[in-house]
PDB file of N, CA and C in Angstrom:
ATOM      1  N   MET A   1      86.722  67.597 119.381  1.00  0.00           N
ATOM      2  CA  MET A   1      86.338  68.494 118.675  1.00  0.00           C
ATOM      3  C   MET A   1      85.946  67.194 117.300  1.00  0.00           C
ATOM      4  N   ASP A   2      86.022  65.874 117.425  1.00  0.00           N
ATOM      5  CA  ASP A   2      85.394  65.034 116.127  1.00  0.00           C
ATOM      6  C   ASP A   2      84.599  65.361 115.643  1.00  0.00           C
ATOM      7  N   PHE A   3      83.704  65.532 116.348  1.00  0.00           N
ATOM      8  CA  PHE A   3      82.484  65.504 115.698  1.00  0.00           C
ATOM      9  C   PHE A   3      82.346  66.580 114.271  1.00  0.00           C
ATOM     10  N   LEU A   4      83.149  67.965 114.664  1.00  0.00           N
ATOM     11  CA  LEU A   4      83.291  68.527 113.563  1.00  0.00           C
ATOM     12  C   LEU A   4      83.488  68.087 111.889  1.00  0.00           C
ATOM     13  N   TRP A   5      84.770  67.410 112.087  1.00  0.00           N
ATOM     14  CA  TRP A   5      85.404  67.029 110.944  1.00  0.00           C
ATOM     15  C   TRP A   5      84.458  66.162 110.105  1.00  0.00           C
ATOM     16  N   LYS A   6      83.753  65.239 110.737  1.00  0.00           N
ATOM     17  CA  LYS A   6      81.913  63.800 110.230  1.00  0.00           C
ATOM     18  C   LYS A   6      81.559  65.418 109.690  1.00  0.00           C
ATOM     19  N   GLU A   7      81.244  66.006 110.334  1.00  0.00           N
ATOM     20  CA  GLU A   7      79.702  66.900 109.776  1.00  0.00           C
ATOM     21  C   GLU A   7      79.825  67.985 108.658  1.00  0.00           C
ATOM     22  N   ILE A   8      81.272  68.752 108.966  1.00  0.00           N
ATOM     23  CA  ILE A   8      81.252  69.698 107.934  1.00  0.00           C
ATOM     24  C   ILE A   8      81.667  69.143 106.097  1.00  0.00           C
ATOM     25  N   ASP A   9      80.608  69.489 105.777  1.00  0.00           N
ATOM     26  CA  ASP A   9      81.025  69.651 103.796  1.00  0.00           C
ATOM     27  C   ASP A   9      81.813  70.334 103.318  1.00  0.00           C
ATOM     28  N   TRP A  10      83.526  69.668 103.878  1.00  0.00           N
ATOM     29  CA  TRP A  10      84.533  70.734 103.549  1.00  0.00           C
ATOM     30  C   TRP A  10      84.258  71.433 101.800  1.00  0.00           C
ATOM     31  N   ASP A  11      82.831  70.951 100.548  1.00  0.00           N
ATOM     32  CA  ASP A  11      83.284  71.221  99.627  1.00  0.00           C
ATOM     33  C   ASP A  11      82.558  72.950  99.548  1.00  0.00           C
ATOM     34  N   LEU A  12      81.844  72.402 101.071  1.00  0.00           N
ATOM     35  CA  LEU A  12      80.768  73.947 100.521  1.00  0.00           C
ATOM     36  C   LEU A  12      81.506  75.294 101.236  1.00  0.00           C
ATOM     37  N   PHE A  13      82.802  75.136 101.488  1.00  0.00           N
ATOM     38  CA  PHE A  13      83.693  75.769 102.151  1.00  0.00           C
ATOM     39  C   PHE A  13      82.958  76.818 103.152  1.00  0.00           C
ATOM     40  N   ILE A  14      81.600  76.453 103.548  1.00  0.00           N
ATOM     41  CA  ILE A  14      81.339  77.872 105.049  1.00  0.00           C
ATOM     42  C   ILE A  14      80.849  76.192 106.127  1.00  0.00           C
ATOM     43  N   VAL A  15      80.797  76.385 107.334  1.00  0.00           N
ATOM     44  CA  VAL A  15      80.099  75.795 108.599  1.00  0.00           C
ATOM     45  C   VAL A  15      79.028  76.911 109.111  1.00  0.00           C
ATOM     46  N   VAL A  16      78.332  76.449 109.645  1.00  0.00           N
ATOM     47  CA  VAL A  16      76.974  77.125 109.604  1.00  0.00           C
ATOM     48  C   VAL A  16      76.961  76.628 111.197  1.00  0.00           C
ATOM     49  N   VAL A  17      76.581  76.638 111.991  1.00  0.00           N
ATOM     50  CA  VAL A  17      76.196  75.704 113.048  1.00  0.00           C
ATOM     51  C   VAL A  17      75.195  76.698 113.472  1.00  0.00           C
ATOM     52  N   THR A  18      73.461  76.010 114.269  1.00  0.00           N
ATOM     53  CA  THR A  18      72.921  77.035 115.169  1.00  0.00           C
ATOM     54  C   THR A  18      72.530  76.660 116.382  1.00  0.00           C
ATOM     55  N   GLY A  19      71.447  77.485 116.551  1.00  0.00           N
ATOM     56  CA  GLY A  19      70.468  76.073 117.874  1.00  0.00           C
ATOM     57  C   GLY A  19      71.892  76.614 119.188  1.00  0.00           C
ATOM     58  N   THR A  20      71.579  75.722 119.910  1.00  0.00           N
ATOM     59  CA  THR A  20      71.968  75.868 121.312  1.00  0.00           C
ATOM     60  C   THR A  20      73.891  75.082 121.177  1.00  0.00           C
ATOM     61  N   ASP A  21      74.171  74.452 119.962  1.00  0.00           N
ATOM     62  CA  ASP A  21      75.259  73.856 119.600  1.00  0.00           C
ATOM     63  C   ASP A  21      76.517  75.195 119.038  1.00  0.00           C
ATOM     64  N   CYS A  22      75.613  76.201 119.140  1.00  0.00           N
ATOM     65  CA  CYS A  22      76.546  76.953 118.096  1.00  0.00           C
ATOM     66  C   CYS A  22      77.677  77.706 119.415  1.00  0.00           C
ATOM     67  N   GLY A  23      76.933  78.152 120.751  1.00  0.00           N
ATOM     68  CA  GLY A  23      78.637  78.741 121.269  1.00  0.00           C
ATOM     69  C   GLY A  23      79.174  77.221 122.145  1.00  0.00           C
ATOM     70  N   ARG A  24      78.260  76.045 122.462  1.00  0.00           N
ATOM     71  CA  ARG A  24      79.561  74.845 122.220  1.00  0.00           C
ATOM     72  C   ARG A  24      80.627  74.870 120.988  1.00  0.00           C
ATOM     73  N   VAL A  25      80.176  75.088 119.644  1.00  0.00           N
ATOM     74  CA  VAL A  25      81.075  74.577 118.961  1.00  0.00           C
ATOM     75  C   VAL A  25      82.512  76.147 117.837  1.00  0.00           C
ATOM     76  N   ARG A  26      81.852  76.941 118.744  1.00  0.00           N
ATOM     77  CA  ARG A  26      82.851  78.522 119.048  1.00  0.00           C
ATOM     78  C   ARG A  26      83.982  77.902 120.398  1.00  0.00           C
ATOM     79  N   LYS A  27      83.496  77.987 120.724  1.00  0.00           N
ATOM     80  CA  LYS A  27      84.337  77.338 121.991  1.00  0.00           C
ATOM     81  C   LYS A  27      85.349  76.464 121.978  1.00  0.00           C
ATOM     82  N   GLU A  28      84.624  75.239 121.179  1.00  0.00           N
ATOM     83  CA  GLU A  28      86.014  74.708 120.617  1.00  0.00           C
ATOM     84  C   GLU A  28      86.340  74.864 119.793  1.00  0.00           C
ATOM     85  N   LEU A  29      85.923  75.193 118.546  1.00  0.00           N
ATOM     86  CA  LEU A  29      87.121  75.664 117.395  1.00  0.00           C
ATOM     87  C   LEU A  29      87.855  77.114 117.999  1.00  0.00           C
ATOM     88  N   LYS A  30      87.462  77.747 119.197  1.00  0.00           N
ATOM     89  CA  LYS A  30      88.477  78.537 119.708  1.00  0.00           C
ATOM     90  C   LYS A  30      89.534  78.185 120.365  1.00  0.00           C
ATOM     91  N   GLN A  31      89.447  76.725 121.001  1.00  0.00           N
ATOM     92  CA  GLN A  31      89.935  76.732 121.765  1.00  0.00           C
ATOM     93  C   GLN A  31      91.015  75.592 120.487  1.00  0.00           C
ATOM     94  N   GLY A  32      90.349  75.357 119.850  1.00  0.00           N
ATOM     95  CA  GLY A  32      91.309  73.998 118.700  1.00  0.00           C
ATOM     96  C   GLY A  32      91.988  75.253 118.171  1.00  0.00           C
ATOM     97  N   LEU A  33      91.881  76.607 117.870  1.00  0.00           N
ATOM     98  CA  LEU A  33      92.899  77.450 116.710  1.00  0.00           C
ATOM     99  C   LEU A  33      93.750  77.894 117.918  1.00  0.00           C
ATOM    100  N   GLU A  34      93.468  78.036 119.113  1.00  0.00           N
ATOM    101  CA  GLU A  34      94.715  78.296 119.735  1.00  0.00           C
ATOM    102  C   GLU A  34      95.661  77.607 120.279  1.00  0.00           C
ATOM    103  N   ALA A  35      95.328  75.888 120.666  1.00  0.00           N
ATOM    104  CA  ALA A  35      96.074  75.136 120.813  1.00  0.00           C
ATOM    105  C   ALA A  35      97.170  74.722 119.197  1.00  0.00           C
ATOM    106  N   LEU A  36      96.757  74.875 118.112  1.00  0.00           N
ATOM    107  CA  LEU A  36      97.970  75.097 117.204  1.00  0.00           C
ATOM    108  C   LEU A  36      99.005  75.407 116.985  1.00  0.00           C
ATOM    109  N   THR A  37     100.324  74.391 115.970  1.00  0.00           N
ATOM    110  CA  THR A  37     101.473  74.203 116.602  1.00  0.00           C
ATOM    111  C   THR A  37     102.281  73.927 115.491  1.00  0.00           C
ATOM    112  N   PHE A  38     103.177  74.013 115.125  1.00  0.00           N
ATOM    113  CA  PHE A  38     104.242  74.248 113.880  1.00  0.00           C
ATOM    114  C   PHE A  38     105.515  73.541 114.739  1.00  0.00           C
ATOM    115  N   GLU A  39     106.589  73.147 113.405  1.00  0.00           N
ATOM    116  CA  GLU A  39     107.996  72.641 114.904  1.00  0.00           C
ATOM    117  C   GLU A  39     107.858  72.937 115.376  1.00  0.00           C
ATOM    118  N   ASP A  40     108.506  72.167 116.927  1.00  0.00           N
ATOM    119  CA  ASP A  40     109.281  72.456 117.429  1.00  0.00           C
ATOM    120  C   ASP A  40     108.083  73.511 118.930  1.00  0.00           C
ATOM    121  N   ASN A  41     106.926  73.300 118.297  1.00  0.00           N
ATOM    122  CA  ASN A  41     105.684  73.101 119.226  1.00  0.00           C
ATOM    123  C   ASN A  41     105.330  74.544 119.419  1.00  0.00           C
ATOM    124  N   ARG A  42     106.275  75.200 118.580  1.00  0.00           N
ATOM    125  CA  ARG A  42     105.915  77.003 118.015  1.00  0.00           C
ATOM    126  C   ARG A  42     104.554  77.220 117.889  1.00  0.00           C
ATOM    127  N   GLU A  43     103.699  78.274 118.506  1.00  0.00           N
ATOM    128  CA  GLU A  43     102.075  78.561 118.122  1.00  0.00           C
ATOM    129  C   GLU A  43     102.336  78.892 117.655  1.00  0.00           C
ATOM    130  N   ILE A  44     101.156  79.296 116.799  1.00  0.00           N
ATOM    131  CA  ILE A  44     101.061  79.424 115.263  1.00  0.00           C
ATOM    132  C   ILE A  44      99.792  80.874 115.485  1.00  0.00           C
ATOM    133  N   VAL A  45      99.266  81.208 116.864  1.00  0.00           N
ATOM    134  CA  VAL A  45      98.154  81.106 116.436  1.00  0.00           C
ATOM    135  C   VAL A  45      98.740  82.675 118.060  1.00  0.00           C
ATOM    136  N   LYS A  46      98.143  83.157 117.430  1.00  0.00           N
ATOM    137  CA  LYS A  46      98.410  84.775 119.033  1.00  0.00           C
ATOM    138  C   LYS A  46      97.447  84.792 119.717  1.00  0.00           C
ATOM    139  N   LYS A  47      96.223  85.054 118.948  1.00  0.00           N
ATOM    140  CA  LYS A  47      94.810  85.479 119.829  1.00  0.00           C
ATOM    141  C   LYS A  47      93.774  85.018 118.984  1.00  0.00           C
ATOM    142  N   VAL A  48      92.378  84.484 119.130  1.00  0.00           N
ATOM    143  CA  VAL A  48      90.851  84.594 118.565  1.00  0.00           C
ATOM    144  C   VAL A  48      89.976  84.731 119.326  1.00  0.00           C
ATOM    145  N   TYR A  49      90.146  86.259 118.680  1.00  0.00           N
ATOM    146  CA  TYR A  49      88.459  87.101 118.626  1.00  0.00           C
ATOM    147  C   TYR A  49      87.651  86.418 118.882  1.00  0.00           C
ATOM    148  N   ASP A  50      86.256  86.855 119.461  1.00  0.00           N
ATOM    149  CA  ASP A  50      84.845  86.467 118.771  1.00  0.00           C
ATOM    150  C   ASP A  50      84.466  87.933 119.153  1.00  0.00           C
ATOM    151  N   ARG A  51      83.677  87.835 118.240  1.00  0.00           N
ATOM    152  CA  ARG A  51      82.980  88.366 116.930  1.00  0.00           C
ATOM    153  C   ARG A  51      82.945  89.666 118.521  1.00  0.00           C
ATOM    154  N   GLU A  52      82.208  89.633 119.504  1.00  0.00           N
ATOM    155  CA  GLU A  52      81.823  90.564 120.246  1.00  0.00           C
ATOM    156  C   GLU A  52      83.174  91.486 120.463  1.00  0.00           C
ATOM    157  N   GLU A  53      84.754  90.888 120.377  1.00  0.00           N
ATOM    158  CA  GLU A  53      85.298  91.930 120.758  1.00  0.00           C
ATOM    159  C   GLU A  53      85.938  92.958 119.681  1.00  0.00           C
ATOM    160  N   LEU A  54      84.899  93.121 118.027  1.00  0.00           N
ATOM    161  CA  LEU A  54      85.937  93.519 117.290  1.00  0.00           C
ATOM    162  C   LEU A  54      85.201  94.201 116.393  1.00  0.00           C
ATOM    163  N   TYR A  55      83.499  94.210 116.453  1.00  0.00           N
ATOM    164  CA  TYR A  55      82.291  94.026 115.802  1.00  0.00           C
ATOM    165  C   TYR A  55      81.254  94.589 116.634  1.00  0.00           C
ATOM    166  N   ARG A  56      80.751  95.817 116.076  1.00  0.00           N
ATOM    167  CA  ARG A  56      79.885  96.817 116.153  1.00  0.00           C
ATOM    168  C   ARG A  56      78.717  97.384 115.349  1.00  0.00           C
ATOM    169  N   GLY A  57      77.565  97.575 115.277  1.00  0.00           N
ATOM    170  CA  GLY A  57      77.071  98.567 114.608  1.00  0.00           C
ATOM    171  C   GLY A  57      75.545  97.670 113.514  1.00  0.00           C
ATOM    172  N   PRO A  58      75.324  98.461 112.445  1.00  0.00           N
ATOM    173  CA  PRO A  58      74.013  97.657 112.287  1.00  0.00           C
ATOM    174  C   PRO A  58      74.259  95.714 111.279  1.00  0.00           C
ATOM    175  N   ASN A  59      75.621  95.476 111.039  1.00  0.00           N
ATOM    176  CA  ASN A  59      76.461  94.652 110.211  1.00  0.00           C
ATOM    177  C   ASN A  59      76.528  93.481 111.311  1.00  0.00           C
ATOM    178  N   PHE A  60      76.142  94.262 112.119  1.00  0.00           N
ATOM    179  CA  PHE A  60      76.723  92.941 114.027  1.00  0.00           C
ATOM    180  C   PHE A  60      76.454  91.279 112.867  1.00  0.00           C
ATOM    181  N   ASP A  61      75.360  91.002 112.949  1.00  0.00           N
ATOM    182  CA  ASP A  61      74.929  89.604 112.236  1.00  0.00           C
ATOM    183  C   ASP A  61      75.616  89.015 110.956  1.00  0.00           C
ATOM    184  N   ARG A  62      76.405  90.131 110.202  1.00  0.00           N
ATOM    185  CA  ARG A  62      77.042  89.566 108.931  1.00  0.00           C
ATOM    186  C   ARG A  62      79.329  88.992 109.237  1.00  0.00           C
ATOM    187  N   ALA A  63      79.202  89.737 110.611  1.00  0.00           N
ATOM    188  CA  ALA A  63      80.507  89.394 111.202  1.00  0.00           C
ATOM    189  C   ALA A  63      80.500  87.927 111.748  1.00  0.00           C
ATOM    190  N   PRO A  64      82.018  87.559 111.120  1.00  0.00           N
ATOM    191  CA  PRO A  64      82.547  86.222 111.345  1.00  0.00           C
ATOM    192  C   PRO A  64      81.873  86.499 112.812  1.00  0.00           C
ATOM    193  N   ASP A  65      81.984  85.001 113.396  1.00  0.00           N
ATOM    194  CA  ASP A  65      82.036  84.607 114.878  1.00  0.00           C
ATOM    195  C   ASP A  65      83.406  84.805 115.551  1.00  0.00           C
ATOM    196  N   LEU A  66      83.918  84.218 114.664  1.00  0.00           N
ATOM    197  CA  LEU A  66      85.497  84.602 115.288  1.00  0.00           C
ATOM    198  C   LEU A  66      86.995  85.167 114.095  1.00  0.00           C
ATOM    199  N   VAL A  67      87.411  85.807 114.846  1.00  0.00           N
ATOM    200  CA  VAL A  67      88.694  86.552 113.604  1.00  0.00           C
ATOM    201  C   VAL A  67      90.064  85.743 114.197  1.00  0.00           C
ATOM    202  N   VAL A  68      91.151  84.822 113.600  1.00  0.00           N
ATOM    203  CA  VAL A  68      92.375  85.338 114.414  1.00  0.00           C
ATOM    204  C   VAL A  68      93.375  85.231 113.356  1.00  0.00           C
ATOM    205  N   LEU A  69      94.546  85.779 115.489  1.00  0.00           N
ATOM    206  CA  LEU A  69      95.278  87.140 114.489  1.00  0.00           C
ATOM    207  C   LEU A  69      96.354  86.011 114.956  1.00  0.00           C
ATOM    208  N   PRO A  70      97.340  85.556 113.603  1.00  0.00           N
ATOM    209  CA  PRO A  70      98.261  85.003 113.591  1.00  0.00           C
ATOM    210  C   PRO A  70      99.720  85.442 114.442  1.00  0.00           C
ATOM    211  N   ASN A  71     100.708  84.680 114.724  1.00  0.00           N
ATOM    212  CA  ASN A  71     101.501  85.084 115.367  1.00  0.00           C
ATOM    213  C   ASN A  71     102.626  85.736 114.352  1.00  0.00           C
ATOM    214  N   HIS A  72     103.733  86.305 114.634  1.00  0.00           N
ATOM    215  CA  HIS A  72     104.889  86.856 113.465  1.00  0.00           C
ATOM    216  C   HIS A  72     105.072  85.341 112.840  1.00  0.00           C
ATOM    217  N   GLY A  73     105.255  85.285 111.550  1.00  0.00           N
ATOM    218  CA  GLY A  73     106.142  84.318 110.906  1.00  0.00           C
ATOM    219  C   GLY A  73     104.980  83.708 110.320  1.00  0.00           C
ATOM    220  N   TYR A  74     103.485  83.519 110.751  1.00  0.00           N
ATOM    221  CA  TYR A  74     103.112  82.828 109.965  1.00  0.00           C
ATOM    222  C   TYR A  74     101.370  83.787 109.172  1.00  0.00           C
ATOM    223  N   VAL A  75     100.952  83.473 108.606  1.00  0.00           N
ATOM    224  CA  VAL A  75     100.438  83.761 107.264  1.00  0.00           C
ATOM    225  C   VAL A  75      98.836  82.425 107.611  1.00  0.00           C
ATOM    226  N   LEU A  76      98.081  83.160 107.562  1.00  0.00           N
ATOM    227  CA  LEU A  76      96.767  81.955 107.380  1.00  0.00           C
ATOM    228  C   LEU A  76      95.672  81.850 106.201  1.00  0.00           C
ATOM    229  N   LYS A  77      95.892  81.686 105.718  1.00  0.00           N
ATOM    230  CA  LYS A  77      94.858  81.039 104.140  1.00  0.00           C
ATOM    231  C   LYS A  77      94.093  79.946 104.127  1.00  0.00           C
ATOM    232  N   GLY A  78      92.897  79.953 103.247  1.00  0.00           N
ATOM    233  CA  GLY A  78      92.551  78.553 103.727  1.00  0.00           C
ATOM    234  C   GLY A  78      92.367  78.201 102.252  1.00  0.00           C
ATOM    235  N   LYS A  79      92.903  76.723 101.718  1.00  0.00           N
ATOM    236  CA  LYS A  79      92.814  75.967 100.048  1.00  0.00           C
ATOM    237  C   LYS A  79      92.247  74.526 100.987  1.00  0.00           C
ATOM    238  N   VAL A  80      91.531  74.427 100.595  1.00  0.00           N
ATOM    239  CA  VAL A  80      90.457  73.448 101.423  1.00  0.00           C
ATOM    240  C   VAL A  80      90.834  71.782 100.412  1.00  0.00           C
ATOM    241  N   ASN A  81      91.343  72.096  99.175  1.00  0.00           N
ATOM    242  CA  ASN A  81      91.927  70.646  97.971  1.00  0.00           C
ATOM    243  C   ASN A  81      93.347  70.889  97.740  1.00  0.00           C
ATOM    244  N   SER A  82      93.956  70.901  99.255  1.00  0.00           N
ATOM    245  CA  SER A  82      95.580  70.379  98.954  1.00  0.00           C
ATOM    246  C   SER A  82      95.481  69.861 100.701  1.00  0.00           C
ATOM    247  N   GLY A  83      96.689  68.613 100.120  1.00  0.00           N
ATOM    248  CA  GLY A  83      96.282  67.860 101.654  1.00  0.00           C
ATOM    249  C   GLY A  83      97.593  67.925 102.282  1.00  0.00           C
ATOM    250  N   ALA A  84      98.093  69.073 102.500  1.00  0.00           N
ATOM    251  CA  ALA A  84      99.604  70.435 103.459  1.00  0.00           C
ATOM    252  C   ALA A  84      98.396  71.299 103.755  1.00  0.00           C
ATOM    253  N   VAL A  85      98.900  71.022 105.445  1.00  0.00           N
ATOM    254  CA  VAL A  85      98.001  71.762 106.218  1.00  0.00           C
ATOM    255  C   VAL A  85      99.259  73.694 106.671  1.00  0.00           C
ATOM    256  N   PHE A  86     100.569  73.160 106.412  1.00  0.00           N
ATOM    257  CA  PHE A  86     101.965  74.179 105.942  1.00  0.00           C
ATOM    258  C   PHE A  86     102.378  74.455 104.582  1.00  0.00           C
ATOM    259  N   GLY A  87     102.697  75.337 104.522  1.00  0.00           N
ATOM    260  CA  GLY A  87     103.571  75.761 103.131  1.00  0.00           C
ATOM    261  C   GLY A  87     103.956  77.046 102.868  1.00  0.00           C
ATOM    262  N   ARG A  88     104.457  77.484 101.669  1.00  0.00           N
ATOM    263  CA  ARG A  88     105.204  78.173 101.502  1.00  0.00           C
ATOM    264  C   ARG A  88     104.498  79.025  99.771  1.00  0.00           C
ATOM    265  N   THR A  89     104.187  80.317 100.114  1.00  0.00           N
ATOM    266  CA  THR A  89     103.589  80.621  98.646  1.00  0.00           C
ATOM    267  C   THR A  89     104.554  82.137  98.409  1.00  0.00           C
ATOM    268  N   ASN A  90     103.765  82.306  97.293  1.00  0.00           N
ATOM    269  CA  ASN A  90     105.339  83.356  96.003  1.00  0.00           C
ATOM    270  C   ASN A  90     104.472  84.629  96.512  1.00  0.00           C
ATOM    271  N   LEU A  91     103.932  84.609  97.223  1.00  0.00           N
ATOM    272  CA  LEU A  91     103.101  86.698  97.999  1.00  0.00           C
ATOM    273  C   LEU A  91     104.053  86.726  99.097  1.00  0.00           C
ATOM    274  N   LEU A  92     104.658  88.317  98.829  1.00  0.00           N
ATOM    275  CA  LEU A  92     105.237  87.962 100.075  1.00  0.00           C
ATOM    276  C   LEU A  92     104.930  89.570 100.622  1.00  0.00           C
ATOM    277  N   GLY A  93     105.217  89.629 101.851  1.00  0.00           N
ATOM    278  CA  GLY A  93     104.637  90.849 102.988  1.00  0.00           C
ATOM    279  C   GLY A  93     103.053  90.554 103.461  1.00  0.00           C
ATOM    280  N   ILE A  94     102.649  90.993 104.077  1.00  0.00           N
ATOM    281  CA  ILE A  94     101.750  90.997 105.514  1.00  0.00           C
ATOM    282  C   ILE A  94     101.352  92.286 105.889  1.00  0.00           C
ATOM    283  N   HIS A  95     100.175  92.443 106.013  1.00  0.00           N
ATOM    284  CA  HIS A  95      99.710  93.125 107.298  1.00  0.00           C
ATOM    285  C   HIS A  95      99.311  92.804 108.665  1.00  0.00           C
ATOM    286  N   SER A  96      99.553  92.975 109.750  1.00  0.00           N
ATOM    287  CA  SER A  96      99.677  92.303 110.775  1.00  0.00           C
ATOM    288  C   SER A  96      98.896  93.621 111.722  1.00  0.00           C
ATOM    289  N   GLN A  97      98.510  93.342 112.907  1.00  0.00           N
ATOM    290  CA  GLN A  97      97.436  94.169 113.686  1.00  0.00           C
ATOM    291  C   GLN A  97      98.682  94.913 114.500  1.00  0.00           C
ATOM    292  N   ASP A  98      99.440  94.568 115.012  1.00  0.00           N
ATOM    293  CA  ASP A  98     100.554  95.607 115.762  1.00  0.00           C
ATOM    294  C   ASP A  98     101.874  95.778 114.831  1.00  0.00           C
ATOM    295  N   ASP A  99     101.721  96.501 113.667  1.00  0.00           N
ATOM    296  CA  ASP A  99     102.909  97.029 113.467  1.00  0.00           C
ATOM    297  C   ASP A  99     102.090  98.200 111.570  1.00  0.00           C
ATOM    298  N   ALA A 100     101.029  97.976 111.983  1.00  0.00           N
ATOM    299  CA  ALA A 100     100.048  99.925 111.507  1.00  0.00           C
ATOM    300  C   ALA A 100     100.807 101.099 112.486  1.00  0.00           C
ATOM    301  N   PHE A 101     101.036 101.921 111.225  1.00  0.00           N
ATOM    302  CA  PHE A 101     101.021 103.209 111.967  1.00  0.00           C
ATOM    303  C   PHE A 101      99.975 104.146 110.998  1.00  0.00           C
ATOM    304  N   PHE A 102     100.288 105.125 112.599  1.00  0.00           N
ATOM    305  CA  PHE A 102      99.253 105.763 112.002  1.00  0.00           C
ATOM    306  C   PHE A 102      99.715 107.177 112.661  1.00  0.00           C
ATOM    307  N   PHE A 103      99.330 108.051 112.388  1.00  0.00           N
ATOM    308  CA  PHE A 103     100.294 109.846 111.585  1.00  0.00           C
ATOM    309  C   PHE A 103      99.126 110.565 111.120  1.00  0.00           C
ATOM    310  N   SER A 104      98.789 111.375 112.742  1.00  0.00           N
ATOM    311  CA  SER A 104      97.688 112.965 112.990  1.00  0.00           C
ATOM    312  C   SER A 104      99.011 114.126 113.174  1.00  0.00           C
ATOM    313  N   THR A 105      98.594 114.953 111.636  1.00  0.00           N
ATOM    314  CA  THR A 105      99.619 116.413 111.714  1.00  0.00           C
ATOM    315  C   THR A 105      98.316 117.400 112.904  1.00  0.00           C
ATOM    316  N   ASN A 106      98.023 117.190 113.839  1.00  0.00           N
ATOM    317  CA  ASN A 106      96.958 117.634 114.472  1.00  0.00           C
ATOM    318  C   ASN A 106      97.596 117.047 115.822  1.00  0.00           C
ATOM    319  N   GLY A 107      98.238 116.071 116.083  1.00  0.00           N
ATOM    320  CA  GLY A 107      98.689 115.729 117.830  1.00  0.00           C
ATOM    321  C   GLY A 107      97.712 114.018 117.881  1.00  0.00           C
ATOM    322  N   THR A 108      97.004 114.497 117.466  1.00  0.00           N
ATOM    323  CA  THR A 108      95.917 113.170 117.688  1.00  0.00           C
ATOM    324  C   THR A 108      96.771 111.997 118.051  1.00  0.00           C
ATOM    325  N   ARG A 109      96.590 111.244 118.759  1.00  0.00           N
ATOM    326  CA  ARG A 109      97.122 109.861 119.127  1.00  0.00           C
ATOM    327  C   ARG A 109      96.232 108.486 119.169  1.00  0.00           C
ATOM    328  N   CYS A 110      96.710 107.576 118.576  1.00  0.00           N
ATOM    329  CA  CYS A 110      96.123 106.172 118.837  1.00  0.00           C
ATOM    330  C   CYS A 110      96.655 104.841 119.178  1.00  0.00           C
ATOM    331  N   ARG A 111      96.047 104.305 120.309  1.00  0.00           N
ATOM    332  CA  ARG A 111      96.844 103.378 121.007  1.00  0.00           C
ATOM    333  C   ARG A 111      96.347 102.408 120.240  1.00  0.00           C
ATOM    334  N   PRO A 112      95.269 101.574 120.054  1.00  0.00           N
ATOM    335  CA  PRO A 112      94.959 100.325 119.803  1.00  0.00           C
ATOM    336  C   PRO A 112      94.538 100.745 118.626  1.00  0.00           C
ATOM    337  N   ILE A 113      94.713 100.255 117.336  1.00  0.00           N
ATOM    338  CA  ILE A 113      94.940  99.894 116.160  1.00  0.00           C
ATOM    339  C   ILE A 113      92.889 100.328 115.854  1.00  0.00           C
ATOM    340  N   PHE A 114      92.307  99.404 116.980  1.00  0.00           N
ATOM    341  CA  PHE A 114      90.704  99.571 116.946  1.00  0.00           C
ATOM    342  C   PHE A 114      90.419 101.324 116.687  1.00  0.00           C
ATOM    343  N   GLU A 115      90.328 101.869 117.607  1.00  0.00           N
ATOM    344  CA  GLU A 115      90.426 103.575 117.695  1.00  0.00           C
ATOM    345  C   GLU A 115      90.842 104.192 116.142  1.00  0.00           C
ATOM    346  N   ALA A 116      91.971 103.724 115.124  1.00  0.00           N
ATOM    347  CA  ALA A 116      91.895 104.934 114.224  1.00  0.00           C
ATOM    348  C   ALA A 116      90.204 105.074 112.975  1.00  0.00           C
ATOM    349  N   LYS A 117      89.589 104.223 113.632  1.00  0.00           N
ATOM    350  CA  LYS A 117      88.177 104.427 112.675  1.00  0.00           C
ATOM    351  C   LYS A 117      87.482 105.375 112.664  1.00  0.00           C
ATOM    352  N   GLY A 118      87.113 105.566 114.379  1.00  0.00           N
ATOM    353  CA  GLY A 118      86.579 107.232 115.443  1.00  0.00           C
ATOM    354  C   GLY A 118      87.341 108.011 115.152  1.00  0.00           C
ATOM    355  N   ILE A 119      89.007 107.911 115.181  1.00  0.00           N
ATOM    356  CA  ILE A 119      89.472 109.002 115.206  1.00  0.00           C
ATOM    357  C   ILE A 119      89.860 109.616 113.205  1.00  0.00           C
ATOM    358  N   VAL A 120      90.048 109.357 112.249  1.00  0.00           N
ATOM    359  CA  VAL A 120      89.563 109.260 111.707  1.00  0.00           C
ATOM    360  C   VAL A 120      88.149 110.257 110.886  1.00  0.00           C
ATOM    361  N   LEU A 121      87.252 109.398 111.374  1.00  0.00           N
ATOM    362  CA  LEU A 121      85.567 109.832 111.414  1.00  0.00           C
ATOM    363  C   LEU A 121      85.279 111.446 111.922  1.00  0.00           C
ATOM    364  N   LYS A 122      86.053 111.466 112.755  1.00  0.00           N
ATOM    365  CA  LYS A 122      85.779 112.841 113.657  1.00  0.00           C
ATOM    366  C   LYS A 122      86.095 113.383 113.643  1.00  0.00           C
ATOM    367  N   ASP A 123      88.251 113.075 113.531  1.00  0.00           N
ATOM    368  CA  ASP A 123      88.837 114.586 113.500  1.00  0.00           C
ATOM    369  C   ASP A 123      88.767 115.104 111.680  1.00  0.00           C
ATOM    370  N   PHE A 124      89.109 114.554 110.661  1.00  0.00           N
ATOM    371  CA  PHE A 124      88.402 114.255 109.641  1.00  0.00           C
ATOM    372  C   PHE A 124      87.848 114.217 109.429  1.00  0.00           C
TER     373      PHE A 124
END
C-alpha cells in the first residue's frame, strides 16, 4: 500500500480512485484497515464492510466504498492535522452495531439491526 501514501493529497480530505485501480485499492485499504492493531497487538477493527453489503437503492453510487466497524473500546475519527494516530477525546459514549435496542409492541422481532428500517417502514 506504499503508493497510497504518496498519491493522496491529505489536504483535500478525500481519496478518489477511478478506473481499473479501484478494486485493487479498495482491497488493499480493506486489508490494511483489518490489520490495524494497538498496544499488545489488540485488533482495532472488527469488520470492514464493502458498500455492496450495506447499501441498496437509487443513491447507491453515493455510498462510501468501505465502512469500518471498530471493536469495542475504539472510536474511529479522522483528524488529518494531528501527528498522533491514537488519543483520547472529551466526548463519552458510542453507538455500536451490536448494542442497539429494538422494541415493538406488536411482537415483531428484529435480529440484525439492518432489518430495523424495513420493519419500521412496513409495520408502523
